[in-house]
Amino acid sequence: MLNKRELAIYLELRRKFGYLPFNIGDALSHMRPYFSPKVVLSVLRYLIKSGLVSEIDNFTFKLNDLEDYLFIDVVYPYLLRKASLRRRSQR
């Protein structure tokens, strides 16, 4: 699950670039007033691992839809767990 820093960086990048490809240098310069380059790079690496950002090449990235991430990683496992618990309680 995302923490506030990761969500803030994702949403700010989405506000600036939308779902269009962006250069890492542009992202770093845009986030400079808020976060250090080290923090932005580490959060971008985490967002790539979690599936919210796609790496096009070494320096170009593209944001993925937050709603898809939430459904696949949060909502769907929650619904599976609820269905399993409900089946057990129905017996």
PDB file of N, CA and C in Angstrom:
ATOM      1  N   MET A   1       0.841  -1.185   0.000  1.00  0.00           N
ATOM      2  CA  MET A   1       0.000   0.000   0.000  1.00  0.00           C
ATOM      3  C   MET A   1       0.879   1.239   0.000  1.00  0.00           C
ATOM      4  N   LEU A   2       0.386   2.290  -0.573  1.00  0.00           N
ATOM      5  CA  LEU A   2       1.147   3.530  -0.699  1.00  0.00           C
ATOM      6  C   LEU A   2       1.077   4.358   0.573  1.00  0.00           C
ATOM      7  N   ASN A   3       2.198   5.007   0.914  1.00  0.00           N
ATOM      8  CA  ASN A   3       2.151   5.962   2.015  1.00  0.00           C
ATOM      9  C   ASN A   3       1.888   7.359   1.444  1.00  0.00           C
ATOM     10  N   LYS A   4       1.804   8.363   2.311  1.00  0.00           N
ATOM     11  CA  LYS A   4       1.445   9.706   1.862  1.00  0.00           C
ATOM     12  C   LYS A   4       2.475  10.296   0.905  1.00  0.00           C
ATOM     13  N   ARG A   5       3.753  10.068   1.175  1.00  0.00           N
ATOM     14  CA  ARG A   5       4.799  10.616   0.310  1.00  0.00           C
ATOM     15  C   ARG A   5       4.697  10.044  -1.098  1.00  0.00           C
ATOM     16  N   GLU A   6       4.541   8.726  -1.189  1.00  0.00           N
ATOM     17  CA  GLU A   6       4.449   8.069  -2.496  1.00  0.00           C
ATOM     18  C   GLU A   6       3.212   8.534  -3.253  1.00  0.00           C
ATOM     19  N   LEU A   7       2.104   8.632  -2.547  1.00  0.00           N
ATOM     20  CA  LEU A   7       0.871   9.093  -3.182  1.00  0.00           C
ATOM     21  C   LEU A   7       0.993  10.551  -3.621  1.00  0.00           C
ATOM     22  N   ALA A   8       1.622  11.389  -2.800  1.00  0.00           N
ATOM     23  CA  ALA A   8       1.799  12.801  -3.154  1.00  0.00           C
ATOM     24  C   ALA A   8       2.657  12.949  -4.404  1.00  0.00           C
ATOM     25  N   ILE A   9       3.743  12.192  -4.492  1.00  0.00           N
ATOM     26  CA  ILE A   9       4.609  12.267  -5.669  1.00  0.00           C
ATOM     27  C   ILE A   9       3.867  11.759  -6.897  1.00  0.00           C
ATOM     28  N   TYR A  10       3.161  10.640  -6.766  1.00  0.00           N
ATOM     29  CA  TYR A  10       2.401  10.104  -7.905  1.00  0.00           C
ATOM     30  C   TYR A  10       1.374  11.127  -8.399  1.00  0.00           C
ATOM     31  N   LEU A  11       0.588  11.687  -7.475  1.00  0.00           N
ATOM     32  CA  LEU A  11      -0.472  12.614  -7.874  1.00  0.00           C
ATOM     33  C   LEU A  11       0.088  13.905  -8.462  1.00  0.00           C
ATOM     34  N   GLU A  12       1.203  14.385  -7.928  1.00  0.00           N
ATOM     35  CA  GLU A  12       1.807  15.602  -8.479  1.00  0.00           C
ATOM     36  C   GLU A  12       2.362  15.345  -9.882  1.00  0.00           C
ATOM     37  N   LEU A  13       2.977  14.183 -10.079  1.00  0.00           N
ATOM     38  CA  LEU A  13       3.465  13.842 -11.418  1.00  0.00           C
ATOM     39  C   LEU A  13       2.302  13.670 -12.393  1.00  0.00           C
ATOM     40  N   ARG A  14       1.195  13.094 -11.921  1.00  0.00           N
ATOM     41  CA  ARG A  14       0.032  12.930 -12.793  1.00  0.00           C
ATOM     42  C   ARG A  14      -0.583  14.281 -13.147  1.00  0.00           C
ATOM     43  N   ARG A  15      -0.589  15.186 -12.167  1.00  0.00           N
ATOM     44  CA  ARG A  15      -1.116  16.525 -12.433  1.00  0.00           C
ATOM     45  C   ARG A  15      -0.261  17.250 -13.476  1.00  0.00           C
ATOM     46  N   LYS A  16       1.045  17.070 -13.399  1.00  0.00           N
ATOM     47  CA  LYS A  16       1.960  17.754 -14.316  1.00  0.00           C
ATOM     48  C   LYS A  16       2.019  17.088 -15.694  1.00  0.00           C
ATOM     49  N   PHE A  17       2.183  15.759 -15.733  1.00  0.00           N
ATOM     50  CA  PHE A  17       2.439  15.059 -16.990  1.00  0.00           C
ATOM     51  C   PHE A  17       1.251  14.250 -17.506  1.00  0.00           C
ATOM     52  N   GLY A  18       0.245  14.029 -16.675  1.00  0.00           N
ATOM     53  CA  GLY A  18      -0.866  13.170 -17.074  1.00  0.00           C
ATOM     54  C   GLY A  18      -0.358  11.751 -17.285  1.00  0.00           C
ATOM     55  N   TYR A  19      -0.865  11.086 -18.302  1.00  0.00           N
ATOM     56  CA  TYR A  19      -0.426   9.721 -18.595  1.00  0.00           C
ATOM     57  C   TYR A  19       0.535   9.691 -19.784  1.00  0.00           C
ATOM     58  N   LEU A  20       1.106  10.842 -20.115  1.00  0.00           N
ATOM     59  CA  LEU A  20       2.080  10.930 -21.201  1.00  0.00           C
ATOM     60  C   LEU A  20       3.471  10.565 -20.686  1.00  0.00           C
ATOM     61  N   PRO A  21       4.340  10.063 -21.540  1.00  0.00           N
ATOM     62  CA  PRO A  21       5.713   9.755 -21.107  1.00  0.00           C
ATOM     63  C   PRO A  21       6.442  11.024 -20.659  1.00  0.00           C
ATOM     64  N   PHE A  22       7.282  10.876 -19.631  1.00  0.00           N
ATOM     65  CA  PHE A  22       8.059  12.013 -19.136  1.00  0.00           C
ATOM     66  C   PHE A  22       9.487  11.575 -18.861  1.00  0.00           C
ATOM     67  N   ASN A  23      10.379  12.543 -18.923  1.00  0.00           N
ATOM     68  CA  ASN A  23      11.796  12.332 -18.695  1.00  0.00           C
ATOM     69  C   ASN A  23      12.084  12.429 -17.200  1.00  0.00           C
ATOM     70  N   ILE A  24      13.014  11.639 -16.709  1.00  0.00           N
ATOM     71  CA  ILE A  24      13.352  11.658 -15.284  1.00  0.00           C
ATOM     72  C   ILE A  24      13.859  13.031 -14.856  1.00  0.00           C
ATOM     73  N   GLY A  25      14.583  13.717 -15.741  1.00  0.00           N
ATOM     74  CA  GLY A  25      15.076  15.060 -15.420  1.00  0.00           C
ATOM     75  C   GLY A  25      13.947  16.048 -15.212  1.00  0.00           C
ATOM     76  N   ASP A  26      12.906  15.962 -16.038  1.00  0.00           N
ATOM     77  CA  ASP A  26      11.746  16.837 -15.877  1.00  0.00           C
ATOM     78  C   ASP A  26      11.034  16.556 -14.555  1.00  0.00           C
ATOM     79  N   ALA A  27      10.915  15.294 -14.210  1.00  0.00           N
ATOM     80  CA  ALA A  27      10.258  14.927 -12.952  1.00  0.00           C
ATOM     81  C   ALA A  27      11.066  15.427 -11.758  1.00  0.00           C
ATOM     82  N   LEU A  28      12.381  15.253 -11.808  1.00  0.00           N
ATOM     83  CA  LEU A  28      13.227  15.707 -10.699  1.00  0.00           C
ATOM     84  C   LEU A  28      13.159  17.220 -10.536  1.00  0.00           C
ATOM     85  N   SER A  29      13.210  17.957 -11.640  1.00  0.00           N
ATOM     86  CA  SER A  29      13.165  19.418 -11.535  1.00  0.00           C
ATOM     87  C   SER A  29      11.791  19.893 -11.060  1.00  0.00           C
ATOM     88  N   HIS A  30      10.732  19.208 -11.459  1.00  0.00           N
ATOM     89  CA  HIS A  30       9.391  19.596 -11.012  1.00  0.00           C
ATOM     90  C   HIS A  30       9.192  19.311  -9.518  1.00  0.00           C
ATOM     91  N   MET A  31       9.762  18.231  -9.022  1.00  0.00           N
ATOM     92  CA  MET A  31       9.567  17.856  -7.618  1.00  0.00           C
ATOM     93  C   MET A  31      10.600  18.494  -6.682  1.00  0.00           C
ATOM     94  N   ARG A  32      11.581  19.210  -7.218  1.00  0.00           N
ATOM     95  CA  ARG A  32      12.663  19.792  -6.415  1.00  0.00           C
ATOM     96  C   ARG A  32      12.183  20.676  -5.260  1.00  0.00           C
ATOM     97  N   PRO A  33      11.136  21.502  -5.416  1.00  0.00           N
ATOM     98  CA  PRO A  33      10.709  22.319  -4.269  1.00  0.00           C
ATOM     99  C   PRO A  33      10.164  21.494  -3.095  1.00  0.00           C
ATOM    100  N   TYR A  34       9.783  20.259  -3.352  1.00  0.00           N
ATOM    101  CA  TYR A  34       9.133  19.455  -2.324  1.00  0.00           C
ATOM    102  C   TYR A  34      10.025  18.355  -1.761  1.00  0.00           C
ATOM    103  N   PHE A  35      10.790  17.691  -2.621  1.00  0.00           N
ATOM    104  CA  PHE A  35      11.566  16.515  -2.221  1.00  0.00           C
ATOM    105  C   PHE A  35      12.957  16.562  -2.831  1.00  0.00           C
ATOM    106  N   SER A  36      13.895  15.900  -2.167  1.00  0.00           N
ATOM    107  CA  SER A  36      15.248  15.795  -2.711  1.00  0.00           C
ATOM    108  C   SER A  36      15.240  14.817  -3.889  1.00  0.00           C
ATOM    109  N   PRO A  37      16.220  14.926  -4.785  1.00  0.00           N
ATOM    110  CA  PRO A  37      16.290  13.978  -5.907  1.00  0.00           C
ATOM    111  C   PRO A  37      16.398  12.522  -5.445  1.00  0.00           C
ATOM    112  N   LYS A  38      17.100  12.297  -4.340  1.00  0.00           N
ATOM    113  CA  LYS A  38      17.244  10.936  -3.816  1.00  0.00           C
ATOM    114  C   LYS A  38      15.881  10.352  -3.431  1.00  0.00           C
ATOM    115  N   VAL A  39      15.052  11.146  -2.780  1.00  0.00           N
ATOM    116  CA  VAL A  39      13.719  10.689  -2.373  1.00  0.00           C
ATOM    117  C   VAL A  39      12.858  10.414  -3.603  1.00  0.00           C
ATOM    118  N   VAL A  40      12.882  11.317  -4.572  1.00  0.00           N
ATOM    119  CA  VAL A  40      12.063  11.145  -5.781  1.00  0.00           C
ATOM    120  C   VAL A  40      12.474   9.880  -6.524  1.00  0.00           C
ATOM    121  N   LEU A  41      13.785   9.649  -6.656  1.00  0.00           N
ATOM    122  CA  LEU A  41      14.251   8.451  -7.354  1.00  0.00           C
ATOM    123  C   LEU A  41      13.854   7.178  -6.622  1.00  0.00           C
ATOM    124  N   SER A  42      13.970   7.179  -5.292  1.00  0.00           N
ATOM    125  CA  SER A  42      13.601   5.967  -4.549  1.00  0.00           C
ATOM    126  C   SER A  42      12.098   5.717  -4.621  1.00  0.00           C
ATOM    127  N   VAL A  43      11.298   6.780  -4.578  1.00  0.00           N
ATOM    128  CA  VAL A  43       9.845   6.610  -4.702  1.00  0.00           C
ATOM    129  C   VAL A  43       9.490   6.133  -6.108  1.00  0.00           C
ATOM    130  N   LEU A  44      10.153   6.662  -7.135  1.00  0.00           N
ATOM    131  CA  LEU A  44       9.893   6.193  -8.500  1.00  0.00           C
ATOM    132  C   LEU A  44      10.221   4.710  -8.641  1.00  0.00           C
ATOM    133  N   ARG A  45      11.333   4.272  -8.040  1.00  0.00           N
ATOM    134  CA  ARG A  45      11.667   2.845  -8.086  1.00  0.00           C
ATOM    135  C   ARG A  45      10.571   2.016  -7.428  1.00  0.00           C
ATOM    136  N   TYR A  46      10.062   2.485  -6.283  1.00  0.00           N
ATOM    137  CA  TYR A  46       8.991   1.760  -5.600  1.00  0.00           C
ATOM    138  C   TYR A  46       7.714   1.744  -6.446  1.00  0.00           C
ATOM    139  N   LEU A  47       7.392   2.873  -7.069  1.00  0.00           N
ATOM    140  CA  LEU A  47       6.187   2.943  -7.897  1.00  0.00           C
ATOM    141  C   LEU A  47       6.295   2.039  -9.118  1.00  0.00           C
ATOM    142  N   ILE A  48       7.511   1.872  -9.646  1.00  0.00           N
ATOM    143  CA  ILE A  48       7.719   0.934 -10.755  1.00  0.00           C
ATOM    144  C   ILE A  48       7.465  -0.484 -10.282  1.00  0.00           C
ATOM    145  N   LYS A  49       8.005  -0.841  -9.107  1.00  0.00           N
ATOM    146  CA  LYS A  49       7.807  -2.193  -8.570  1.00  0.00           C
ATOM    147  C   LYS A  49       6.342  -2.469  -8.268  1.00  0.00           C
ATOM    148  N   SER A  50       5.627  -1.448  -7.804  1.00  0.00           N
ATOM    149  CA  SER A  50       4.220  -1.660  -7.461  1.00  0.00           C
ATOM    150  C   SER A  50       3.295  -1.574  -8.671  1.00  0.00           C
ATOM    151  N   GLY A  51       3.800  -1.136  -9.824  1.00  0.00           N
ATOM    152  CA  GLY A  51       2.995  -1.126 -11.036  1.00  0.00           C
ATOM    153  C   GLY A  51       2.317   0.185 -11.364  1.00  0.00           C
ATOM    154  N   LEU A  52       2.570   1.226 -10.587  1.00  0.00           N
ATOM    155  CA  LEU A  52       1.950   2.515 -10.878  1.00  0.00           C
ATOM    156  C   LEU A  52       2.703   3.313 -11.930  1.00  0.00           C
ATOM    157  N   VAL A  53       3.964   2.968 -12.156  1.00  0.00           N
ATOM    158  CA  VAL A  53       4.781   3.646 -13.161  1.00  0.00           C
ATOM    159  C   VAL A  53       5.408   2.584 -14.049  1.00  0.00           C
ATOM    160  N   SER A  54       5.394   2.824 -15.352  1.00  0.00           N
ATOM    161  CA  SER A  54       6.056   1.937 -16.309  1.00  0.00           C
ATOM    162  C   SER A  54       7.325   2.615 -16.794  1.00  0.00           C
ATOM    163  N   GLU A  55       8.387   1.831 -16.890  1.00  0.00           N
ATOM    164  CA  GLU A  55       9.656   2.352 -17.384  1.00  0.00           C
ATOM    165  C   GLU A  55       9.735   2.072 -18.882  1.00  0.00           C
ATOM    166  N   ILE A  56       9.749   3.121 -19.689  1.00  0.00           N
ATOM    167  CA  ILE A  56       9.819   2.969 -21.141  1.00  0.00           C
ATOM    168  C   ILE A  56      11.254   2.675 -21.553  1.00  0.00           C
ATOM    169  N   ASP A  57      12.185   3.467 -21.060  1.00  0.00           N
ATOM    170  CA  ASP A  57      13.611   3.180 -21.199  1.00  0.00           C
ATOM    171  C   ASP A  57      14.299   3.700 -19.937  1.00  0.00           C
ATOM    172  N   ASN A  58      15.615   3.810 -19.945  1.00  0.00           N
ATOM    173  CA  ASN A  58      16.337   4.168 -18.719  1.00  0.00           C
ATOM    174  C   ASN A  58      15.937   5.518 -18.137  1.00  0.00           C
ATOM    175  N   PHE A  59      15.528   6.460 -18.960  1.00  0.00           N
ATOM    176  CA  PHE A  59      15.250   7.810 -18.481  1.00  0.00           C
ATOM    177  C   PHE A  59      13.826   8.275 -18.741  1.00  0.00           C
ATOM    178  N   THR A  60      12.999   7.451 -19.331  1.00  0.00           N
ATOM    179  CA  THR A  60      11.633   7.834 -19.679  1.00  0.00           C
ATOM    180  C   THR A  60      10.644   6.916 -18.965  1.00  0.00           C
ATOM    181  N   PHE A  61       9.624   7.535 -18.381  1.00  0.00           N
ATOM    182  CA  PHE A  61       8.634   6.802 -17.602  1.00  0.00           C
ATOM    183  C   PHE A  61       7.240   7.219 -18.033  1.00  0.00           C
ATOM    184  N   LYS A  62       6.265   6.408 -17.649  1.00  0.00           N
ATOM    185  CA  LYS A  62       4.861   6.689 -17.956  1.00  0.00           C
ATOM    186  C   LYS A  62       4.037   6.244 -16.758  1.00  0.00           C
ATOM    187  N   LEU A  63       3.111   7.085 -16.333  1.00  0.00           N
ATOM    188  CA  LEU A  63       2.249   6.744 -15.207  1.00  0.00           C
ATOM    189  C   LEU A  63       1.138   5.809 -15.657  1.00  0.00           C
ATOM    190  N   ASN A  64       0.778   4.874 -14.795  1.00  0.00           N
ATOM    191  CA  ASN A  64      -0.353   3.981 -15.036  1.00  0.00           C
ATOM    192  C   ASN A  64      -1.528   4.450 -14.191  1.00  0.00           C
ATOM    193  N   ASP A  65      -2.700   3.960 -14.500  1.00  0.00           N
ATOM    194  CA  ASP A  65      -3.926   4.400 -13.842  1.00  0.00           C
ATOM    195  C   ASP A  65      -3.965   3.959 -12.382  1.00  0.00           C
ATOM    196  N   LEU A  66      -4.246   4.911 -11.493  1.00  0.00           N
ATOM    197  CA  LEU A  66      -4.328   4.629 -10.060  1.00  0.00           C
ATOM    198  C   LEU A  66      -5.509   3.714  -9.747  1.00  0.00           C
ATOM    199  N   GLU A  67      -6.604   3.867 -10.469  1.00  0.00           N
ATOM    200  CA  GLU A  67      -7.796   3.054 -10.219  1.00  0.00           C
ATOM    201  C   GLU A  67      -7.528   1.574 -10.492  1.00  0.00           C
ATOM    202  N   ASP A  68      -6.787   1.276 -11.551  1.00  0.00           N
ATOM    203  CA  ASP A  68      -6.425  -0.117 -11.841  1.00  0.00           C
ATOM    204  C   ASP A  68      -5.572  -0.692 -10.725  1.00  0.00           C
ATOM    205  N   TYR A  69      -4.602   0.094 -10.253  1.00  0.00           N
ATOM    206  CA  TYR A  69      -3.735  -0.351  -9.155  1.00  0.00           C
ATOM    207  C   TYR A  69      -4.569  -0.653  -7.914  1.00  0.00           C
ATOM    208  N   LEU A  70      -5.465   0.260  -7.563  1.00  0.00           N
ATOM    209  CA  LEU A  70      -6.279   0.064  -6.362  1.00  0.00           C
ATOM    210  C   LEU A  70      -7.162  -1.168  -6.487  1.00  0.00           C
ATOM    211  N   PHE A  71      -7.747  -1.384  -7.661  1.00  0.00           N
ATOM    212  CA  PHE A  71      -8.611  -2.550  -7.815  1.00  0.00           C
ATOM    213  C   PHE A  71      -7.813  -3.844  -7.722  1.00  0.00           C
ATOM    214  N   ILE A  72      -6.693  -3.921  -8.422  1.00  0.00           N
ATOM    215  CA  ILE A  72      -5.915  -5.164  -8.464  1.00  0.00           C
ATOM    216  C   ILE A  72      -5.232  -5.460  -7.137  1.00  0.00           C
ATOM    217  N   ASP A  73      -4.653  -4.441  -6.500  1.00  0.00           N
ATOM    218  CA  ASP A  73      -3.845  -4.683  -5.306  1.00  0.00           C
ATOM    219  C   ASP A  73      -4.579  -4.477  -3.992  1.00  0.00           C
ATOM    220  N   VAL A  74      -5.713  -3.795  -4.003  1.00  0.00           N
ATOM    221  CA  VAL A  74      -6.403  -3.518  -2.740  1.00  0.00           C
ATOM    222  C   VAL A  74      -7.806  -4.112  -2.725  1.00  0.00           C
ATOM    223  N   VAL A  75      -8.628  -3.717  -3.671  1.00  0.00           N
ATOM    224  CA  VAL A  75     -10.044  -4.086  -3.643  1.00  0.00           C
ATOM    225  C   VAL A  75     -10.255  -5.572  -3.917  1.00  0.00           C
ATOM    226  N   TYR A  76      -9.633  -6.098  -4.964  1.00  0.00           N
ATOM    227  CA  TYR A  76      -9.842  -7.500  -5.334  1.00  0.00           C
ATOM    228  C   TYR A  76      -9.418  -8.461  -4.218  1.00  0.00           C
ATOM    229  N   PRO A  77      -8.213  -8.324  -3.620  1.00  0.00           N
ATOM    230  CA  PRO A  77      -7.868  -9.213  -2.500  1.00  0.00           C
ATOM    231  C   PRO A  77      -8.827  -9.060  -1.313  1.00  0.00           C
ATOM    232  N   TYR A  78      -9.295  -7.829  -1.072  1.00  0.00           N
ATOM    233  CA  TYR A  78     -10.242  -7.600   0.012  1.00  0.00           C
ATOM    234  C   TYR A  78     -11.551  -8.345  -0.254  1.00  0.00           C
ATOM    235  N   LEU A  79     -12.060  -8.256  -1.480  1.00  0.00           N
ATOM    236  CA  LEU A  79     -13.311  -8.941  -1.808  1.00  0.00           C
ATOM    237  C   LEU A  79     -13.164 -10.456  -1.737  1.00  0.00           C
ATOM    238  N   LEU A  80     -12.030 -10.983  -2.177  1.00  0.00           N
ATOM    239  CA  LEU A  80     -11.789 -12.428  -2.059  1.00  0.00           C
ATOM    240  C   LEU A  80     -11.796 -12.870  -0.600  1.00  0.00           C
ATOM    241  N   ARG A  81     -11.132 -12.094   0.244  1.00  0.00           N
ATOM    242  CA  ARG A  81     -11.078 -12.423   1.666  1.00  0.00           C
ATOM    243  C   ARG A  81     -12.475 -12.359   2.293  1.00  0.00           C
ATOM    244  N   LYS A  82     -13.250 -11.325   1.941  1.00  0.00           N
ATOM    245  CA  LYS A  82     -14.610 -11.201   2.473  1.00  0.00           C
ATOM    246  C   LYS A  82     -15.490 -12.363   2.022  1.00  0.00           C
ATOM    247  N   ALA A  83     -15.374 -12.776   0.765  1.00  0.00           N
ATOM    248  CA  ALA A  83     -16.176 -13.892   0.260  1.00  0.00           C
ATOM    249  C   ALA A  83     -15.805 -15.176   0.978  1.00  0.00           C
ATOM    250  N   SER A  84     -14.517 -15.382   1.214  1.00  0.00           N
ATOM    251  CA  SER A  84     -14.062 -16.579   1.917  1.00  0.00           C
ATOM    252  C   SER A  84     -14.588 -16.598   3.349  1.00  0.00           C
ATOM    253  N   LEU A  85     -14.505 -15.473   4.032  1.00  0.00           N
ATOM    254  CA  LEU A  85     -15.005 -15.403   5.408  1.00  0.00           C
ATOM    255  C   LEU A  85     -16.519 -15.587   5.449  1.00  0.00           C
ATOM    256  N   ARG A  86     -17.209 -15.059   4.481  1.00  0.00           N
ATOM    257  CA  ARG A  86     -18.667 -15.194   4.439  1.00  0.00           C
ATOM    258  C   ARG A  86     -19.072 -16.645   4.204  1.00  0.00           C
ATOM    259  N   ARG A  87     -18.342 -17.350   3.316  1.00  0.00           N
ATOM    260  CA  ARG A  87     -18.649 -18.768   3.081  1.00  0.00           C
ATOM    261  C   ARG A  87     -18.448 -19.573   4.361  1.00  0.00           C
ATOM    262  N   ARG A  88     -17.374 -19.269   5.087  1.00  0.00           N
ATOM    263  CA  ARG A  88     -17.124 -20.005   6.336  1.00  0.00           C
ATOM    264  C   ARG A  88     -18.210 -19.743   7.365  1.00  0.00           C
ATOM    265  N   SER A  89     -18.691 -18.509   7.442  1.00  0.00           N
ATOM    266  CA  SER A  89     -19.710 -18.187   8.443  1.00  0.00           C
ATOM    267  C   SER A  89     -21.085 -18.733   8.052  1.00  0.00           C
ATOM    268  N   GLN A  90     -21.301 -19.038   6.773  1.00  0.00           N
ATOM    269  CA  GLN A  90     -22.578 -19.561   6.304  1.00  0.00           C
ATOM    270  C   GLN A  90     -22.747 -21.046   6.608  1.00  0.00           C
ATOM    271  N   ARG A  91     -21.655 -21.724   6.909  1.00  0.00           N
ATOM    272  CA  ARG A  91     -21.725 -23.176   7.137  1.00  0.00           C
ATOM    273  C   ARG A  91     -22.404 -23.522   8.415  1.00  0.00           C
TER     274      ARG A  91
END
